[in-house]
């Protein structure tokens, strides 16, 4: 038997095996997963598009500031002077290509009430220290902002440690505290919109909004790794596009009541401080345990440009951090929920990929049969399944494209002063490849996280035991020099910028960001 005959025999047998009842179930299940994702994105697009229509109607009615507030009467001075004080806490780590612009959008918010901005770093050795101090020097007479050195964490992740130190240092009269990641690009009216939602349910206390959150809109840089991250976030985004109550929480944007941190209500401080690894998962678990309300307003979607040099290795590190989150927990119930999420996500991820593997087998077998003149041996049932999967995939990609298109439009309307975002640079063939790669690797990453019980996060290695951090290792040789998504440099020299070219480029970027420019997505 020749090599080609052996291949033909293998493909025919494999194609036949892929039309057994179990295989057919797996392929139909894959089609259903595609359609469920498409439906979820369609619902999310409806919520976002409804907000766009409301803004357009307000503009037609003469409210040119609809991107700040739907009711223009709320912008009167008599209303603005009574707005509550907000403390914005931004834990920083490293300095990347988009950070300066992101920080600038945060401190130049058009919120009409009193607001302070607290940039919290672990030490002056962090390259972000020099960058942010230079930026704040330019705005020292315009905004209430300061840099806080938090020191090194010993009982929780460095990010949580920085957040808690920021909460300790916030103004005594602040009513709300807003935690922002340094890769969040705010809209001018974001703080005002979040505050307005928090003020809607002041009494009774049990129906108050506990946390308000949002979600990023990834802008891939062109690499497969960046598209994998975009694809990873897209299924999660439908949970944040509810226009109201949600069970999901993103640590990049969280507005809470300041008194919850002053008084350690519901154990928010102790839960984070005592072994906390993930801020959003910990707070979401606390909210669930106490039946507290988490909401996500439709305007809380933020452009998130990914690093131009984001390679596949950094994507893998990011995925490892995301799956490692499921190994941390604050209670037995939280552990059970995380195990359930772990199992379901792994099952659905490989349940999504498996039909495409079978489809490749069906197509390869059909091509070999056609080339060898054995058309009568074609597996018609298998080809029908391939056709159904292809149709469902097209529907899924169209729904993903539509949601992305609407969110890009919404971001452009919410930030009319910024260079417009565009879909023209999105490569949808890479999006499809990223869907397969990300879903296949998710399960691999999840199992590795489960058995390793340690993770490297921005040059710091954390070890978990019983769902809590119990050991922290630091050192420049522990991890990569750059972070995963933003490509931020993690290390610098004590007391001075890393080098002269860094200062020169920093000054040049500050000058450029003062002027409108075209950003490549």
Protein backbone atom coordinates (compact mmCIF):
# COMPACT_ATOMS: atom_id res chain seq x y z
CA UNK A 1 0.00 0.00 0.00
CA UNK A 2 1.42 3.40 -1.06
CA UNK A 3 1.70 6.40 1.21
CA UNK A 4 -1.19 8.16 -0.54
CA UNK A 5 -3.39 5.09 -0.23
CA UNK A 6 -2.61 4.98 3.50
CA UNK A 7 -3.55 8.65 3.82
CA UNK A 8 -6.76 8.07 1.86
CA UNK A 9 -7.69 5.14 4.07
CA UNK A 10 -6.97 7.15 7.22
CA UNK A 11 -9.04 10.12 6.03
CA UNK A 12 -11.98 7.93 5.00
CA UNK A 13 -11.98 6.14 8.35
CA UNK A 14 -11.58 9.41 10.25
CA UNK A 15 -14.39 11.04 8.27
CA UNK A 16 -16.61 8.03 8.94
CA UNK A 17 -15.80 8.23 12.65
CA UNK A 18 -16.84 11.88 12.57
CA UNK A 19 -20.43 10.98 11.66
CA UNK A 20 -21.05 8.67 14.60
CA UNK A 21 -23.81 9.83 16.99
CA UNK A 22 -21.29 11.25 19.48
CA UNK A 23 -19.35 13.09 16.78
CA UNK A 24 -22.55 14.49 15.27
CA UNK A 25 -23.59 15.71 18.72
CA UNK A 26 -20.23 17.47 19.15
CA UNK A 27 -20.54 19.17 15.76
CA UNK A 28 -24.13 20.27 16.32
CA UNK A 29 -23.11 21.50 19.77
CA UNK A 30 -20.37 23.59 18.13
CA UNK A 31 -22.95 25.16 15.83
CA UNK A 32 -25.15 25.97 18.81
CA UNK A 33 -22.22 27.59 20.64
CA UNK A 34 -21.62 29.82 17.61
CA UNK A 35 -25.29 30.80 17.45
CA UNK A 36 -25.50 31.47 21.21
CA UNK A 37 -22.47 33.75 20.98
CA UNK A 38 -24.02 35.50 17.99
CA UNK A 39 -27.27 36.01 19.90
CA UNK A 40 -25.45 37.36 22.95
CA UNK A 41 -23.50 39.85 20.85
CA UNK A 42 -26.69 40.89 19.08
CA UNK A 43 -28.32 41.65 22.45
CA UNK A 44 -25.24 43.60 23.55
CA UNK A 45 -25.29 45.54 20.28
CA UNK A 46 -28.95 46.40 20.87
CA UNK A 47 -28.16 47.91 24.28
CA UNK A 48 -25.20 49.92 22.98
CA UNK A 49 -27.13 51.05 19.89
CA UNK A 50 -30.05 52.19 22.05
CA UNK A 51 -27.67 54.54 23.84
CA UNK A 52 -26.45 55.89 20.50
CA UNK A 53 -30.02 56.60 19.41
CA UNK A 54 -30.78 58.39 22.68
CA UNK A 55 -27.72 60.59 22.25
CA UNK A 56 -28.66 61.40 18.65
CA UNK A 57 -32.20 62.30 19.69
CA UNK A 58 -30.84 64.63 22.37
CA UNK A 59 -28.56 66.28 19.83
CA UNK A 60 -31.47 66.80 17.45
CA UNK A 61 -33.33 68.44 20.33
CA UNK A 62 -30.52 70.95 20.72
CA UNK A 63 -28.41 69.27 23.40
CA UNK A 64 -24.95 69.45 21.86
CA UNK A 65 -23.49 68.12 25.13
CA UNK A 66 -25.39 64.84 25.05
CA UNK A 67 -22.08 62.99 25.28
CA UNK A 68 -21.82 64.40 28.82
CA UNK A 69 -25.43 64.17 29.97
CA UNK A 70 -28.76 63.34 28.35
CA UNK A 71 -30.56 66.02 30.35
CA UNK A 72 -28.87 69.34 29.61
CA UNK A 73 -30.52 70.89 32.67
CA UNK A 74 -28.28 68.72 34.83
CA UNK A 75 -25.30 70.71 33.55
CA UNK A 76 -26.52 73.96 35.09
CA UNK A 77 -24.23 75.46 37.71
CA UNK A 78 -26.86 75.13 40.43
CA UNK A 79 -26.85 71.36 39.90
CA UNK A 80 -23.12 70.94 39.38
CA UNK A 81 -22.12 72.60 42.66
CA UNK A 82 -24.00 69.90 44.59
CA UNK A 83 -22.29 66.96 42.90
CA UNK A 84 -20.53 64.60 45.33
CA UNK A 85 -16.77 64.43 45.69
CA UNK A 86 -15.06 61.56 43.89
CA UNK A 87 -11.59 60.13 44.52
CA UNK A 88 -10.04 58.42 41.50
CA UNK A 89 -7.40 55.85 42.44
CA UNK A 90 -5.07 54.58 39.74
CA UNK A 91 -2.61 51.81 40.71
CA UNK A 92 0.35 52.05 38.33
CA UNK A 93 2.99 49.54 37.28
CA UNK A 94 5.45 50.24 34.47
CA UNK A 95 5.24 52.68 31.59
CA UNK A 96 4.03 51.88 28.06
CA UNK A 97 3.30 53.51 24.74
CA UNK A 98 -0.34 54.40 25.51
CA UNK A 99 -0.10 55.33 29.19
CA UNK A 100 0.42 59.07 28.86
CA UNK A 101 -2.61 59.49 26.65
CA UNK A 102 -4.72 57.31 28.94
CA UNK A 103 -3.68 59.25 32.04
CA UNK A 104 -4.41 62.51 30.26
CA UNK A 105 -7.98 61.41 29.46
CA UNK A 106 -8.43 60.49 33.12
CA UNK A 107 -7.26 63.75 34.70
CA UNK A 108 -8.97 65.98 32.12
CA UNK A 109 -12.44 64.61 32.84
CA UNK A 110 -15.31 67.08 32.52
CA UNK A 111 -16.89 66.05 35.81
CA UNK A 112 -18.45 69.15 37.39
CA UNK A 113 -18.02 68.16 41.02
CA UNK A 114 -14.90 68.02 43.20
CA UNK A 115 -12.56 65.24 42.15
CA UNK A 116 -9.05 64.17 43.09
CA UNK A 117 -6.71 61.83 41.24
CA UNK A 118 -4.38 59.55 43.17
CA UNK A 119 -1.63 57.80 41.20
CA UNK A 120 -0.33 54.99 43.40
CA UNK A 121 3.00 53.23 42.77
CA UNK A 122 5.02 50.72 44.73
CA UNK A 123 8.24 52.80 44.58
CA UNK A 124 10.06 55.62 42.80
CA UNK A 125 12.01 52.96 40.88
CA UNK A 126 8.96 52.30 38.74
CA UNK A 127 9.35 53.99 35.31
CA UNK A 128 5.76 55.20 35.66
CA UNK A 129 6.87 57.47 38.52
CA UNK A 130 8.93 59.75 36.29
CA UNK A 131 6.30 59.75 33.55
CA UNK A 132 3.35 60.62 35.76
CA UNK A 133 5.21 63.26 37.79
CA UNK A 134 6.15 65.10 34.61
CA UNK A 135 2.56 64.90 33.38
CA UNK A 136 1.12 66.20 36.65
CA UNK A 137 3.63 69.03 36.67
CA UNK A 138 2.06 70.29 33.44
CA UNK A 139 -1.41 70.17 35.04
CA UNK A 140 -0.47 71.20 38.58
CA UNK A 141 -2.62 74.34 38.50
CA UNK A 142 -5.58 72.67 36.77
CA UNK A 143 -6.28 69.39 38.56
CA UNK A 144 -6.11 68.01 42.09
CA UNK A 145 -3.72 65.13 41.58
CA UNK A 146 -0.82 63.59 43.43
CA UNK A 147 1.51 60.62 43.39
CA UNK A 148 1.50 58.20 46.34
CA UNK A 149 4.25 55.69 47.07
CA UNK A 150 2.57 52.62 48.55
CA UNK A 151 5.57 50.41 49.21
CA UNK A 152 5.68 46.68 48.54
CA UNK A 153 2.77 44.36 49.20
CA UNK A 154 3.23 41.49 51.64
CA UNK A 155 -0.23 39.94 52.04
CA UNK A 156 -1.95 40.54 48.68
CA UNK A 157 -1.22 41.40 45.06
CA UNK A 158 0.66 44.63 44.42
CA UNK A 159 -2.31 46.09 42.54
CA UNK A 160 -4.67 45.48 45.46
CA UNK A 161 -2.10 46.87 47.88
CA UNK A 162 -1.85 50.06 45.81
CA UNK A 163 -5.64 50.33 45.65
CA UNK A 164 -6.02 50.00 49.42
CA UNK A 165 -3.30 52.58 50.09
CA UNK A 166 -5.07 54.92 47.68
CA UNK A 167 -8.34 54.34 49.53
CA UNK A 168 -6.62 55.20 52.82
CA UNK A 169 -5.25 58.45 51.38
CA UNK A 170 -8.44 59.62 49.69
CA UNK A 171 -10.12 62.86 50.78
CA UNK A 172 -12.16 62.57 53.95
CA UNK A 173 -15.21 64.07 52.22
CA UNK A 174 -15.18 61.79 49.18
CA UNK A 175 -18.48 60.01 48.70
CA UNK A 176 -17.36 57.69 45.93
CA UNK A 177 -14.09 56.06 44.99
CA UNK A 178 -13.30 55.10 41.41
CA UNK A 179 -10.58 52.56 40.70
CA UNK A 180 -9.09 52.77 37.20
CA UNK A 181 -6.39 50.74 35.50
CA UNK A 182 -3.72 52.74 33.73
CA UNK A 183 -4.80 51.28 30.37
CA UNK A 184 -8.32 52.76 30.62
CA UNK A 185 -8.97 55.57 28.16
CA UNK A 186 -11.80 57.58 29.72
CA UNK A 187 -14.43 59.62 27.92
CA UNK A 188 -14.99 63.22 29.08
CA UNK A 189 -18.30 62.34 30.70
CA UNK A 190 -17.43 58.95 32.20
CA UNK A 191 -16.98 60.04 35.82
CA UNK A 192 -20.16 62.12 35.65
CA UNK A 193 -22.15 59.25 34.14
CA UNK A 194 -20.96 56.76 36.76
CA UNK A 195 -21.67 59.20 39.59
CA UNK A 196 -25.15 59.96 38.26
CA UNK A 197 -25.98 56.25 38.27
CA UNK A 198 -24.70 55.86 41.84
CA UNK A 199 -26.90 58.76 42.94
CA UNK A 200 -30.05 57.25 41.43
CA UNK A 201 -30.61 54.75 44.25
CA UNK A 202 -29.59 56.51 47.47
CA UNK A 203 -32.21 54.94 49.73
CA UNK A 204 -32.94 52.40 51.08
CA UNK A 205 -29.40 51.17 51.51
CA UNK A 206 -30.16 47.59 50.51
CA UNK A 207 -30.99 48.64 46.92
CA UNK A 208 -28.01 50.93 46.54
CA UNK A 209 -25.61 50.21 43.75
CA UNK A 210 -22.65 48.47 45.37
CA UNK A 211 -20.25 48.67 42.43
CA UNK A 212 -20.41 50.20 38.99
CA UNK A 213 -18.19 48.82 36.29
CA UNK A 214 -17.44 48.95 32.58
CA UNK A 215 -15.46 47.03 29.98
CA UNK A 216 -12.73 47.70 27.41
CA UNK A 217 -13.07 47.65 23.64
CA UNK A 218 -9.82 46.11 22.45
CA UNK A 219 -8.13 47.71 19.45
CA UNK A 220 -5.85 44.96 18.04
CA UNK A 221 -2.42 46.06 16.90
CA UNK A 222 -2.21 43.53 14.06
CA UNK A 223 -0.45 40.58 15.70
CA UNK A 224 -2.14 37.25 16.31
CA UNK A 225 -1.59 37.72 20.04
CA UNK A 226 -3.54 40.99 20.05
CA UNK A 227 -6.42 39.39 18.15
CA UNK A 228 -6.46 36.50 20.62
CA UNK A 229 -6.88 38.99 23.45
CA UNK A 230 -9.64 40.79 21.51
CA UNK A 231 -11.40 37.47 20.95
CA UNK A 232 -10.96 36.49 24.62
CA UNK A 233 -12.65 39.70 25.79
CA UNK A 234 -15.53 39.70 23.30
CA UNK A 235 -17.60 36.87 24.85
CA UNK A 236 -17.16 38.54 28.25
CA UNK A 237 -18.29 41.90 26.85
CA UNK A 238 -21.89 40.75 26.45
CA UNK A 239 -22.11 40.40 30.24
CA UNK A 240 -21.26 44.10 30.62
CA UNK A 241 -23.59 45.38 27.89
CA UNK A 242 -26.75 44.94 29.93
CA UNK A 243 -27.43 48.62 30.50
CA UNK A 244 -28.00 47.86 34.18
CA UNK A 245 -27.65 44.93 36.58
CA UNK A 246 -24.88 42.46 35.90
CA UNK A 247 -23.05 39.70 37.74
CA UNK A 248 -19.73 40.53 36.11
CA UNK A 249 -17.07 42.94 37.29
CA UNK A 250 -14.00 44.33 35.54
CA UNK A 251 -11.20 45.55 37.77
CA UNK A 252 -10.14 48.19 35.25
CA UNK A 253 -13.13 50.38 36.17
CA UNK A 254 -14.93 50.09 39.50
CA UNK A 255 -16.83 52.87 41.27
CA UNK A 256 -17.82 52.15 44.87
CA UNK A 257 -19.00 53.94 47.99
CA UNK A 258 -16.02 55.43 49.82
CA UNK A 259 -17.51 54.51 53.20
CA UNK A 260 -17.34 50.83 52.27
CA UNK A 261 -13.56 51.18 52.43
CA UNK A 262 -13.45 53.51 55.42
CA UNK A 263 -15.58 51.14 57.50
CA UNK A 264 -14.63 47.83 55.86
CA UNK A 265 -18.30 47.21 55.07
CA UNK A 266 -19.01 43.59 54.04
CA UNK A 267 -15.30 42.88 54.55
CA UNK A 268 -14.22 44.59 51.33
CA UNK A 269 -10.91 45.77 52.80
CA UNK A 270 -10.09 42.61 54.75
CA UNK A 271 -11.17 40.41 51.85
CA UNK A 272 -8.81 42.21 49.51
CA UNK A 273 -5.95 42.73 51.95
CA UNK A 274 -5.77 39.24 53.46
CA UNK A 275 -4.40 37.18 50.58
CA UNK A 276 -6.37 38.81 47.77
CA UNK A 277 -5.06 38.13 44.26
CA UNK A 278 -7.79 39.49 41.98
CA UNK A 279 -9.61 42.69 42.90
CA UNK A 280 -12.62 42.16 40.64
CA UNK A 281 -13.17 38.47 41.43
CA UNK A 282 -12.88 39.15 45.17
CA UNK A 283 -15.31 42.07 45.12
CA UNK A 284 -17.72 40.21 42.83
CA UNK A 285 -17.73 37.30 45.29
CA UNK A 286 -18.42 39.69 48.19
CA UNK A 287 -21.25 41.30 46.22
CA UNK A 288 -22.76 37.90 45.48
CA UNK A 289 -22.46 36.71 49.08
CA UNK A 290 -24.26 39.81 50.39
CA UNK A 291 -26.68 40.08 47.45
CA UNK A 292 -25.36 43.51 46.54
CA UNK A 293 -26.01 45.23 43.23
CA UNK A 294 -23.41 45.49 40.45
CA UNK A 295 -24.36 47.58 37.42
CA UNK A 296 -22.74 48.50 34.12
CA UNK A 297 -24.14 51.60 32.37
CA UNK A 298 -24.26 51.45 28.56
CA UNK A 299 -21.75 54.32 28.22
CA UNK A 300 -19.07 52.46 30.20
CA UNK A 301 -17.13 51.08 27.25
CA UNK A 302 -13.55 52.24 26.85
CA UNK A 303 -11.15 52.12 23.89
CA UNK A 304 -8.22 49.88 24.75
CA UNK A 305 -5.38 50.05 22.20
CA UNK A 306 -3.14 47.02 22.53
CA UNK A 307 0.63 47.26 22.33
CA UNK A 308 2.04 47.42 18.82
CA UNK A 309 4.64 44.77 19.71
CA UNK A 310 2.28 42.42 21.54
CA UNK A 311 3.60 39.00 20.61
CA UNK A 312 2.19 35.54 21.18
CA UNK A 313 4.32 34.92 24.26
CA UNK A 314 2.86 37.94 26.04
CA UNK A 315 -0.65 36.83 25.08
CA UNK A 316 0.06 33.45 26.67
CA UNK A 317 1.26 35.14 29.87
CA UNK A 318 -1.93 37.21 29.93
CA UNK A 319 -4.10 34.14 29.43
CA UNK A 320 -2.27 32.40 32.27
CA UNK A 321 -3.06 35.30 34.59
CA UNK A 322 -6.73 35.20 33.60
CA UNK A 323 -7.14 31.48 34.21
CA UNK A 324 -5.13 31.67 37.44
CA UNK A 325 -7.84 33.96 38.83
CA UNK A 326 -10.14 30.95 39.13
CA UNK A 327 -7.77 29.41 41.67
CA UNK A 328 -8.36 32.24 44.15
CA UNK A 329 -11.48 32.43 46.31
CA UNK A 330 -12.81 34.03 49.48
CA UNK A 331 -15.31 31.41 50.65
CA UNK A 332 -16.46 27.84 50.08
CA UNK A 333 -19.34 29.05 47.91
CA UNK A 334 -16.92 31.16 45.87
CA UNK A 335 -14.69 28.10 45.43
CA UNK A 336 -17.63 26.05 44.15
CA UNK A 337 -18.60 28.83 41.72
CA UNK A 338 -15.03 29.07 40.44
CA UNK A 339 -14.83 25.29 39.96
CA UNK A 340 -18.11 25.37 38.04
CA UNK A 341 -16.88 28.25 35.89
CA UNK A 342 -13.59 26.41 35.33
CA UNK A 343 -15.38 23.23 34.19
CA UNK A 344 -17.97 24.94 31.99
CA UNK A 345 -15.48 27.26 30.33
CA UNK A 346 -13.04 24.45 29.58
CA UNK A 347 -15.81 22.23 28.21
CA UNK A 348 -17.26 24.95 26.00
CA UNK A 349 -13.84 26.09 24.78
CA UNK A 350 -12.87 22.67 23.45
CA UNK A 351 -16.48 22.05 22.48
CA UNK A 352 -16.10 25.09 20.24
CA UNK A 353 -12.80 23.95 18.68
CA UNK A 354 -13.56 20.24 18.17
CA UNK A 355 -16.13 20.71 15.34
CA UNK A 356 -13.57 22.64 13.29
CA UNK A 357 -11.07 19.80 13.66
CA UNK A 358 -13.74 17.40 12.40
CA UNK A 359 -14.63 19.80 9.59
CA UNK A 360 -11.00 19.80 8.42
CA UNK A 361 -11.08 15.99 8.36
CA UNK A 362 -14.31 15.96 6.31
CA UNK A 363 -12.97 18.49 3.81
CA UNK A 364 -9.57 16.78 3.50
CA UNK A 365 -11.26 13.40 2.92
CA UNK A 366 -13.59 14.91 0.30
CA UNK A 367 -10.70 16.54 -1.57
CA UNK A 368 -8.71 13.30 -1.63
CA UNK A 369 -11.72 11.39 -2.90
CA UNK A 370 -12.26 13.93 -5.67
CA UNK A 371 -8.59 13.91 -6.71
CA UNK A 372 -8.48 10.10 -6.74
CA UNK A 373 -11.70 9.83 -8.74
CA UNK A 374 -13.68 8.12 -5.98
CA UNK A 375 -16.55 10.60 -5.91
CA UNK A 376 -18.99 7.89 -4.91
CA UNK A 377 -17.09 7.49 -1.62
CA UNK A 378 -17.77 11.09 -0.53
CA UNK A 379 -19.19 11.44 2.98
CA UNK A 380 -22.23 13.57 2.19
CA UNK A 381 -23.39 13.66 5.81
CA UNK A 382 -20.03 14.99 6.94
CA UNK A 383 -20.02 17.68 4.25
CA UNK A 384 -23.51 18.77 5.32
CA UNK A 385 -22.22 19.20 8.86
CA UNK A 386 -19.31 21.25 7.50
CA UNK A 387 -21.73 23.47 5.60
CA UNK A 388 -23.84 24.02 8.71
CA UNK A 389 -20.78 24.89 10.78
CA UNK A 390 -19.57 27.32 8.12
CA UNK A 391 -22.94 29.06 8.08
CA UNK A 392 -23.03 29.36 11.87
CA UNK A 393 -19.46 30.69 11.88
CA UNK A 394 -20.35 33.41 9.38
CA UNK A 395 -23.35 34.42 11.50
CA UNK A 396 -21.14 34.53 14.60
CA UNK A 397 -18.47 36.67 12.93
CA UNK A 398 -21.09 39.05 11.53
CA UNK A 399 -22.59 39.49 15.00
CA UNK A 400 -19.14 40.12 16.49
CA UNK A 401 -18.38 42.63 13.72
CA UNK A 402 -21.70 44.40 14.31
CA UNK A 403 -21.13 44.75 18.06
CA UNK A 404 -17.60 46.03 17.50
CA UNK A 405 -18.88 48.49 14.88
CA UNK A 406 -21.53 49.84 17.25
CA UNK A 407 -19.11 50.11 20.18
CA UNK A 408 -16.61 51.96 18.00
CA UNK A 409 -19.39 54.36 16.98
CA UNK A 410 -20.44 54.82 20.61
CA UNK A 411 -16.86 55.54 21.68
CA UNK A 412 -16.53 58.12 18.91
CA UNK A 413 -19.70 59.84 20.09
CA UNK A 414 -18.66 59.78 23.75
CA UNK A 415 -15.27 61.33 22.92
CA UNK A 416 -16.01 63.80 20.10
CA UNK A 417 -12.72 65.62 20.70
CA UNK A 418 -10.61 62.50 20.14
CA UNK A 419 -9.40 61.15 16.79
CA UNK A 420 -12.12 58.81 15.49
CA UNK A 421 -11.72 55.08 15.87
CA UNK A 422 -12.26 52.85 12.86
CA UNK A 423 -12.89 49.22 11.95
CA UNK A 424 -10.84 49.39 8.77
CA UNK A 425 -7.72 47.84 10.30
CA UNK A 426 -9.52 44.82 11.81
CA UNK A 427 -8.46 41.61 10.07
CA UNK A 428 -11.43 39.27 10.35
CA UNK A 429 -9.50 36.28 9.05
CA UNK A 430 -7.15 36.71 12.00
CA UNK A 431 -10.17 37.10 14.27
CA UNK A 432 -11.38 33.66 13.15
CA UNK A 433 -7.95 32.11 13.67
CA UNK A 434 -7.74 33.79 17.08
CA UNK A 435 -11.10 32.26 18.05
CA UNK A 436 -9.70 28.78 17.49
CA UNK A 437 -6.31 29.46 19.07
CA UNK A 438 -7.71 31.19 22.14
CA UNK A 439 -10.37 28.59 22.86
CA UNK A 440 -7.92 25.74 22.42
CA UNK A 441 -5.28 27.31 24.67
CA UNK A 442 -7.74 28.39 27.35
CA UNK A 443 -8.21 24.85 28.62
CA UNK A 444 -4.46 24.18 28.47
CA UNK A 445 -3.80 27.36 30.45
CA UNK A 446 -6.56 26.63 32.96
CA UNK A 447 -5.19 23.19 33.81
CA UNK A 448 -1.64 24.50 34.05
CA UNK A 449 -2.80 27.21 36.44
CA UNK A 450 -4.68 24.63 38.51
CA UNK A 451 -1.64 22.42 39.00
CA UNK A 452 1.03 25.12 39.31
CA UNK A 453 -0.59 27.32 41.99
CA UNK A 454 1.85 30.14 41.20
CA UNK A 455 1.86 32.95 38.65
CA UNK A 456 4.18 35.70 37.47
CA UNK A 457 2.41 39.05 37.34
CA UNK A 458 4.50 42.02 36.20
CA UNK A 459 7.75 40.62 37.54
CA UNK A 460 6.28 39.41 40.84
CA UNK A 461 5.58 35.73 41.50
CA UNK A 462 2.57 34.96 43.68
CA UNK A 463 1.88 31.62 45.35
CA UNK A 464 -1.62 30.53 46.38
CA UNK A 465 -2.75 28.25 49.16
CA UNK A 466 -6.43 27.73 50.01
CA UNK A 467 -7.37 30.44 47.53
CA UNK A 468 -5.17 33.10 49.15
CA UNK A 469 -1.74 34.53 48.45
CA UNK A 470 0.68 33.20 51.05
CA UNK A 471 4.05 33.89 49.44
CA UNK A 472 5.44 36.65 47.20
CA UNK A 473 8.77 36.58 45.34
CA UNK A 474 10.24 39.69 43.75
CA UNK A 475 13.21 40.39 41.52
CA UNK A 476 14.07 41.55 38.04
CA UNK A 477 15.05 38.03 37.03
CA UNK A 478 11.69 36.52 37.95
CA UNK A 479 9.69 37.64 34.95
CA UNK A 480 9.68 39.54 31.66
CA UNK A 481 10.79 43.13 31.29
CA UNK A 482 7.49 44.16 29.73
CA UNK A 483 3.86 43.67 30.71
CA UNK A 484 1.48 41.68 28.54
CA UNK A 485 -1.09 44.01 26.98
CA UNK A 486 0.40 47.49 26.99
CA UNK A 487 4.04 46.54 26.56
CA UNK A 488 4.96 48.57 29.64
CA UNK A 489 8.55 48.73 30.79
CA UNK A 490 8.54 47.38 34.34
CA UNK A 491 11.97 48.40 35.56
CA UNK A 492 13.89 51.64 35.88
CA UNK A 493 16.76 53.09 37.85
CA UNK A 494 16.20 54.43 41.34
CA UNK A 495 15.75 58.17 41.47
CA UNK A 496 16.19 58.83 37.75
CA UNK A 497 14.69 57.86 34.42
CA UNK A 498 16.18 54.78 32.76
CA UNK A 499 18.06 56.81 30.14
CA UNK A 500 18.21 60.15 28.38
CA UNK A 501 16.31 59.00 25.32
CA UNK A 502 13.42 58.03 27.58
CA UNK A 503 13.15 61.62 28.87
CA UNK A 504 13.39 63.05 25.38
CA UNK A 505 10.73 60.76 23.98
CA UNK A 506 8.53 61.41 27.02
CA UNK A 507 8.68 65.17 26.53
CA UNK A 508 7.98 64.73 22.84
CA UNK A 509 4.94 62.52 23.51
CA UNK A 510 3.48 64.98 26.02
CA UNK A 511 3.81 67.73 23.45
CA UNK A 512 2.22 65.58 20.74
CA UNK A 513 -0.72 64.54 22.89
CA UNK A 514 -1.59 68.18 23.49
CA UNK A 515 -2.48 68.37 19.81
CA UNK A 516 -5.07 66.26 17.96
CA UNK A 517 -3.53 63.47 15.95
CA UNK A 518 -4.57 60.39 14.02
CA UNK A 519 -4.14 57.24 16.08
CA UNK A 520 -3.56 53.99 14.29
CA UNK A 521 -5.78 51.30 15.68
